[in-house]
PDB file of N, CA and C in Angstrom:
ATOM      1  N   MET A   1      15.501  14.975-159.149  1.00  0.00           N
ATOM      2  CA  MET A   1      14.254  14.347-158.734  1.00  0.00           C
ATOM      3  C   MET A   1      13.444  15.283-157.845  1.00  0.00           C
ATOM      4  N   LYS A   2      14.100  15.995-156.939  1.00  0.00           N
ATOM      5  CA  LYS A   2      13.399  16.891-156.005  1.00  0.00           C
ATOM      6  C   LYS A   2      12.634  17.981-156.745  1.00  0.00           C
ATOM      7  N   GLU A   3      13.231  18.535-157.794  1.00  0.00           N
ATOM      8  CA  GLU A   3      12.556  19.595-158.556  1.00  0.00           C
ATOM      9  C   GLU A   3      11.293  19.057-159.234  1.00  0.00           C
ATOM     10  N   GLN A   4      11.400  17.866-159.804  1.00  0.00           N
ATOM     11  CA  GLN A   4      10.239  17.272-160.460  1.00  0.00           C
ATOM     12  C   GLN A   4       9.141  16.959-159.451  1.00  0.00           C
ATOM     13  N   MET A   5       9.535  16.456-158.288  1.00  0.00           N
ATOM     14  CA  MET A   5       8.557  16.152-157.250  1.00  0.00           C
ATOM     15  C   MET A   5       7.847  17.422-156.793  1.00  0.00           C
ATOM     16  N   LYS A   6       8.606  18.488-156.617  1.00  0.00           N
ATOM     17  CA  LYS A   6       8.033  19.759-156.181  1.00  0.00           C
ATOM     18  C   LYS A   6       7.029  20.271-157.212  1.00  0.00           C
ATOM     19  N   GLU A   7       7.353  20.140-158.475  1.00  0.00           N
ATOM     20  CA  GLU A   7       6.453  20.565-159.554  1.00  0.00           C
ATOM     21  C   GLU A   7       5.144  19.765-159.511  1.00  0.00           C
ATOM     22  N   LEU A   8       5.248  18.444-159.349  1.00  0.00           N
ATOM     23  CA  LEU A   8       4.051  17.596-159.326  1.00  0.00           C
ATOM     24  C   LEU A   8       3.177  17.870-158.105  1.00  0.00           C
ATOM     25  N   GLN A   9       3.767  18.333-157.031  1.00  0.00           N
ATOM     26  CA  GLN A   9       3.007  18.624-155.822  1.00  0.00           C
ATOM     27  C   GLN A   9       2.102  19.842-155.986  1.00  0.00           C
ATOM     28  N   LYS A  10       2.222  20.552-157.095  1.00  0.00           N
ATOM     29  CA  LYS A  10       1.309  21.654-157.398  1.00  0.00           C
ATOM     30  C   LYS A  10      -0.071  21.131-157.780  1.00  0.00           C
ATOM     31  N   ILE A  11      -0.135  19.858-158.133  1.00  0.00           N
ATOM     32  CA  ILE A  11      -1.409  19.234-158.496  1.00  0.00           C
ATOM     33  C   ILE A  11      -2.152  18.878-157.215  1.00  0.00           C
ATOM     34  N   LYS A  12      -3.391  19.289-157.133  1.00  0.00           N
ATOM     35  CA  LYS A  12      -4.205  19.008-155.948  1.00  0.00           C
ATOM     36  C   LYS A  12      -4.248  17.508-155.688  1.00  0.00           C
ATOM     37  N   GLY A  13      -3.981  17.129-154.439  1.00  0.00           N
ATOM     38  CA  GLY A  13      -4.040  15.727-154.045  1.00  0.00           C
ATOM     39  C   GLY A  13      -2.731  14.965-154.178  1.00  0.00           C
ATOM     40  N   ILE A  14      -1.692  15.616-154.695  1.00  0.00           N
ATOM     41  CA  ILE A  14      -0.401  14.954-154.853  1.00  0.00           C
ATOM     42  C   ILE A  14       0.564  15.522-153.829  1.00  0.00           C
ATOM     43  N   GLY A  15       1.017  14.660-152.937  1.00  0.00           N
ATOM     44  CA  GLY A  15       1.967  15.059-151.903  1.00  0.00           C
ATOM     45  C   GLY A  15       3.344  14.492-152.183  1.00  0.00           C
ATOM     46  N   GLU A  16       4.173  14.476-151.163  1.00  0.00           N
ATOM     47  CA  GLU A  16       5.563  14.064-151.328  1.00  0.00           C
ATOM     48  C   GLU A  16       5.702  12.600-151.759  1.00  0.00           C
ATOM     49  N   VAL A  17       4.983  11.704-151.094  1.00  0.00           N
ATOM     50  CA  VAL A  17       5.113  10.280-151.392  1.00  0.00           C
ATOM     51  C   VAL A  17       4.607   9.964-152.799  1.00  0.00           C
ATOM     52  N   LEU A  18       3.428  10.463-153.132  1.00  0.00           N
ATOM     53  CA  LEU A  18       2.863  10.176-154.447  1.00  0.00           C
ATOM     54  C   LEU A  18       3.687  10.830-155.555  1.00  0.00           C
ATOM     55  N   SER A  19       4.196  12.025-155.322  1.00  0.00           N
ATOM     56  CA  SER A  19       5.031  12.659-156.348  1.00  0.00           C
ATOM     57  C   SER A  19       6.299  11.847-156.590  1.00  0.00           C
ATOM     58  N   ARG A  20       6.882  11.277-155.536  1.00  0.00           N
ATOM     59  CA  ARG A  20       8.070  10.429-155.697  1.00  0.00           C
ATOM     60  C   ARG A  20       7.718   9.193-156.539  1.00  0.00           C
ATOM     61  N   ARG A  21       6.593   8.582-156.252  1.00  0.00           N
ATOM     62  CA  ARG A  21       6.177   7.390-157.011  1.00  0.00           C
ATOM     63  C   ARG A  21       5.926   7.730-158.471  1.00  0.00           C
ATOM     64  N   LEU A  22       5.338   8.890-158.722  1.00  0.00           N
ATOM     65  CA  LEU A  22       5.105   9.315-160.103  1.00  0.00           C
ATOM     66  C   LEU A  22       6.421   9.514-160.845  1.00  0.00           C
ATOM     67  N   VAL A  23       7.359  10.207-160.220  1.00  0.00           N
ATOM     68  CA  VAL A  23       8.656  10.454-160.854  1.00  0.00           C
ATOM     69  C   VAL A  23       9.376   9.129-161.108  1.00  0.00           C
ATOM     70  N   GLU A  24       9.332   8.232-160.149  1.00  0.00           N
ATOM     71  CA  GLU A  24       9.969   6.922-160.320  1.00  0.00           C
ATOM     72  C   GLU A  24       9.315   6.107-161.432  1.00  0.00           C
ATOM     73  N   SER A  25       8.066   6.431-161.759  1.00  0.00           N
ATOM     74  CA  SER A  25       7.347   5.733-162.825  1.00  0.00           C
ATOM     75  C   SER A  25       7.403   6.506-164.139  1.00  0.00           C
ATOM     76  N   SER A  26       8.304   7.477-164.229  1.00  0.00           N
ATOM     77  CA  SER A  26       8.550   8.292-165.426  1.00  0.00           C
ATOM     78  C   SER A  26       7.479   9.337-165.711  1.00  0.00           C
ATOM     79  N   TYR A  27       6.594   9.597-164.770  1.00  0.00           N
ATOM     80  CA  TYR A  27       5.645  10.703-164.890  1.00  0.00           C
ATOM     81  C   TYR A  27       6.268  11.879-164.140  1.00  0.00           C
ATOM     82  N   ASP A  28       7.259  12.513-164.757  1.00  0.00           N
ATOM     83  CA  ASP A  28       8.052  13.506-164.045  1.00  0.00           C
ATOM     84  C   ASP A  28       7.715  14.950-164.386  1.00  0.00           C
ATOM     85  N   THR A  29       6.643  15.163-165.144  1.00  0.00           N
ATOM     86  CA  THR A  29       6.168  16.519-165.421  1.00  0.00           C
ATOM     87  C   THR A  29       4.645  16.543-165.319  1.00  0.00           C
ATOM     88  N   ILE A  30       4.105  17.730-165.105  1.00  0.00           N
ATOM     89  CA  ILE A  30       2.651  17.870-165.064  1.00  0.00           C
ATOM     90  C   ILE A  30       2.061  17.463-166.405  1.00  0.00           C
ATOM     91  N   GLY A  31       2.744  17.793-167.485  1.00  0.00           N
ATOM     92  CA  GLY A  31       2.272  17.426-168.825  1.00  0.00           C
ATOM     93  C   GLY A  31       2.162  15.924-169.016  1.00  0.00           C
ATOM     94  N   LYS A  32       3.134  15.183-168.507  1.00  0.00           N
ATOM     95  CA  LYS A  32       3.084  13.721-168.630  1.00  0.00           C
ATOM     96  C   LYS A  32       1.952  13.139-167.805  1.00  0.00           C
ATOM     97  N   VAL A  33       1.719  13.699-166.629  1.00  0.00           N
ATOM     98  CA  VAL A  33       0.612  13.217-165.793  1.00  0.00           C
ATOM     99  C   VAL A  33      -0.706  13.541-166.482  1.00  0.00           C
ATOM    100  N   ALA A  34      -0.833  14.766-166.984  1.00  0.00           N
ATOM    101  CA  ALA A  34      -2.071  15.185-167.640  1.00  0.00           C
ATOM    102  C   ALA A  34      -2.354  14.367-168.895  1.00  0.00           C
ATOM    103  N   GLY A  35      -1.303  13.967-169.605  1.00  0.00           N
ATOM    104  CA  GLY A  35      -1.472  13.211-170.839  1.00  0.00           C
ATOM    105  C   GLY A  35      -1.529  11.701-170.649  1.00  0.00           C
ATOM    106  N   ALA A  36      -1.366  11.262-169.421  1.00  0.00           N
ATOM    107  CA  ALA A  36      -1.320   9.822-169.156  1.00  0.00           C
ATOM    108  C   ALA A  36      -2.701   9.200-169.218  1.00  0.00           C
ATOM    109  N   GLU A  37      -2.736   7.944-169.594  1.00  0.00           N
ATOM    110  CA  GLU A  37      -3.992   7.199-169.550  1.00  0.00           C
ATOM    111  C   GLU A  37      -4.312   6.850-168.110  1.00  0.00           C
ATOM    112  N   LYS A  38      -5.574   6.846-167.794  1.00  0.00           N
ATOM    113  CA  LYS A  38      -6.017   6.563-166.432  1.00  0.00           C
ATOM    114  C   LYS A  38      -5.507   5.199-165.956  1.00  0.00           C
ATOM    115  N   LYS A  39      -5.501   4.208-166.839  1.00  0.00           N
ATOM    116  CA  LYS A  39      -5.020   2.867-166.470  1.00  0.00           C
ATOM    117  C   LYS A  39      -3.577   2.906-166.005  1.00  0.00           C
ATOM    118  N   GLY A  40      -2.749   3.671-166.694  1.00  0.00           N
ATOM    119  CA  GLY A  40      -1.338   3.756-166.334  1.00  0.00           C
ATOM    120  C   GLY A  40      -1.141   4.396-164.966  1.00  0.00           C
ATOM    121  N   LEU A  41      -1.899   5.453-164.701  1.00  0.00           N
ATOM    122  CA  LEU A  41      -1.776   6.124-163.411  1.00  0.00           C
ATOM    123  C   LEU A  41      -2.294   5.259-162.276  1.00  0.00           C
ATOM    124  N   GLU A  42      -3.350   4.515-162.520  1.00  0.00           N
ATOM    125  CA  GLU A  42      -3.926   3.684-161.459  1.00  0.00           C
ATOM    126  C   GLU A  42      -3.004   2.549-161.041  1.00  0.00           C
ATOM    127  N   ARG A  43      -2.009   2.225-161.843  1.00  0.00           N
ATOM    128  CA  ARG A  43      -1.045   1.177-161.490  1.00  0.00           C
ATOM    129  C   ARG A  43      -0.043   1.649-160.446  1.00  0.00           C
ATOM    130  N   ILE A  44       0.033   2.948-160.240  1.00  0.00           N
ATOM    131  CA  ILE A  44       0.975   3.510-159.273  1.00  0.00           C
ATOM    132  C   ILE A  44       0.341   3.457-157.890  1.00  0.00           C
ATOM    133  N   ALA A  45       1.051   2.885-156.937  1.00  0.00           N
ATOM    134  CA  ALA A  45       0.538   2.770-155.571  1.00  0.00           C
ATOM    135  C   ALA A  45       0.161   4.143-155.051  1.00  0.00           C
ATOM    136  N   GLY A  46      -1.046   4.263-154.536  1.00  0.00           N
ATOM    137  CA  GLY A  46      -1.520   5.527-153.993  1.00  0.00           C
ATOM    138  C   GLY A  46      -2.411   6.295-154.937  1.00  0.00           C
ATOM    139  N   MET A  47      -2.387   5.949-156.209  1.00  0.00           N
ATOM    140  CA  MET A  47      -3.275   6.607-157.163  1.00  0.00           C
ATOM    141  C   MET A  47      -4.584   5.830-157.174  1.00  0.00           C
ATOM    142  N   ASN A  48      -5.679   6.539-157.108  1.00  0.00           N
ATOM    143  CA  ASN A  48      -6.987   5.908-157.160  1.00  0.00           C
ATOM    144  C   ASN A  48      -7.894   6.729-158.050  1.00  0.00           C
ATOM    145  N   HIS A  49      -9.157   6.356-158.131  1.00  0.00           N
ATOM    146  CA  HIS A  49     -10.065   7.065-159.022  1.00  0.00           C
ATOM    147  C   HIS A  49     -10.177   8.541-158.655  1.00  0.00           C
ATOM    148  N   LYS A  50     -10.087   8.880-157.391  1.00  0.00           N
ATOM    149  CA  LYS A  50     -10.145  10.290-156.994  1.00  0.00           C
ATOM    150  C   LYS A  50      -8.908  11.028-157.465  1.00  0.00           C
ATOM    151  N   SER A  51      -7.762  10.393-157.400  1.00  0.00           N
ATOM    152  CA  SER A  51      -6.516  11.034-157.817  1.00  0.00           C
ATOM    153  C   SER A  51      -6.470  11.250-159.320  1.00  0.00           C
ATOM    154  N   THR A  52      -7.098  10.391-160.088  1.00  0.00           N
ATOM    155  CA  THR A  52      -7.029  10.502-161.540  1.00  0.00           C
ATOM    156  C   THR A  52      -8.216  11.250-162.138  1.00  0.00           C
ATOM    157  N   ASP A  53      -9.255  11.494-161.370  1.00  0.00           N
ATOM    158  CA  ASP A  53     -10.438  12.165-161.902  1.00  0.00           C
ATOM    159  C   ASP A  53     -10.191  13.608-162.315  1.00  0.00           C
ATOM    160  N   TYR A  54      -9.203  14.284-161.740  1.00  0.00           N
ATOM    161  CA  TYR A  54      -8.955  15.676-162.087  1.00  0.00           C
ATOM    162  C   TYR A  54      -8.567  15.821-163.552  1.00  0.00           C
ATOM    163  N   ARG A  55      -8.011  14.779-164.132  1.00  0.00           N
ATOM    164  CA  ARG A  55      -7.540  14.841-165.511  1.00  0.00           C
ATOM    165  C   ARG A  55      -8.676  14.953-166.498  1.00  0.00           C
ATOM    166  N   ASN A  56      -9.755  14.195-166.256  1.00  0.00           N
ATOM    167  CA  ASN A  56     -10.834  14.105-167.227  1.00  0.00           C
ATOM    168  C   ASN A  56     -12.160  13.972-166.492  1.00  0.00           C
ATOM    169  N   PRO A  57     -12.636  15.064-165.878  1.00  0.00           N
ATOM    170  CA  PRO A  57     -13.868  14.961-165.088  1.00  0.00           C
ATOM    171  C   PRO A  57     -15.044  14.529-165.951  1.00  0.00           C
ATOM    172  N   SER A  58     -15.909  13.724-165.372  1.00  0.00           N
ATOM    173  CA  SER A  58     -17.070  13.264-166.123  1.00  0.00           C
ATOM    174  C   SER A  58     -18.059  14.388-166.287  1.00  0.00           C
ATOM    175  N   GLN A  59     -18.883  14.297-167.291  1.00  0.00           N
ATOM    176  CA  GLN A  59     -19.878  15.326-167.549  1.00  0.00           C
ATOM    177  C   GLN A  59     -20.944  15.348-166.471  1.00  0.00           C
ATOM    178  N   GLU A  60     -21.071  14.262-165.739  1.00  0.00           N
ATOM    179  CA  GLU A  60     -22.055  14.207-164.657  1.00  0.00           C
ATOM    180  C   GLU A  60     -21.692  15.140-163.514  1.00  0.00           C
ATOM    181  N   ASP A  61     -20.424  15.480-163.393  1.00  0.00           N
ATOM    182  CA  ASP A  61     -19.945  16.297-162.286  1.00  0.00           C
ATOM    183  C   ASP A  61     -19.779  17.760-162.659  1.00  0.00           C
ATOM    184  N   ASP A  62     -20.493  18.232-163.681  1.00  0.00           N
ATOM    185  CA  ASP A  62     -20.272  19.600-164.137  1.00  0.00           C
ATOM    186  C   ASP A  62     -21.081  20.636-163.367  1.00  0.00           C
ATOM    187  N   GLY A  63     -21.796  20.220-162.355  1.00  0.00           N
ATOM    188  CA  GLY A  63     -22.446  21.169-161.475  1.00  0.00           C
ATOM    189  C   GLY A  63     -23.823  21.605-161.879  1.00  0.00           C
ATOM    190  N   GLY A  64     -24.489  20.876-162.744  1.00  0.00           N
ATOM    191  CA  GLY A  64     -25.860  21.250-162.962  1.00  0.00           C
ATOM    192  C   GLY A  64     -26.416  21.069-164.362  1.00  0.00           C
ATOM    193  N   SER A  65     -25.779  20.342-165.217  1.00  0.00           N
ATOM    194  CA  SER A  65     -26.357  20.126-166.549  1.00  0.00           C
ATOM    195  C   SER A  65     -27.400  19.062-166.500  1.00  0.00           C
TER     196      SER A  65
END
């Protein structure tokens, strides 16, 4: 579990507590988090729209289009 948590902490905004919750919810790799649906991630305590926005940024936030 510690290795998976350490790997997930490489993602900006994910610390020790949130990485533990992700691993406990079977999101134990960066690939699983990246491929997860936003609804599934938002069910995890501590995940919010800011935490899930890195996966699929909106086109409005592209810096000038």
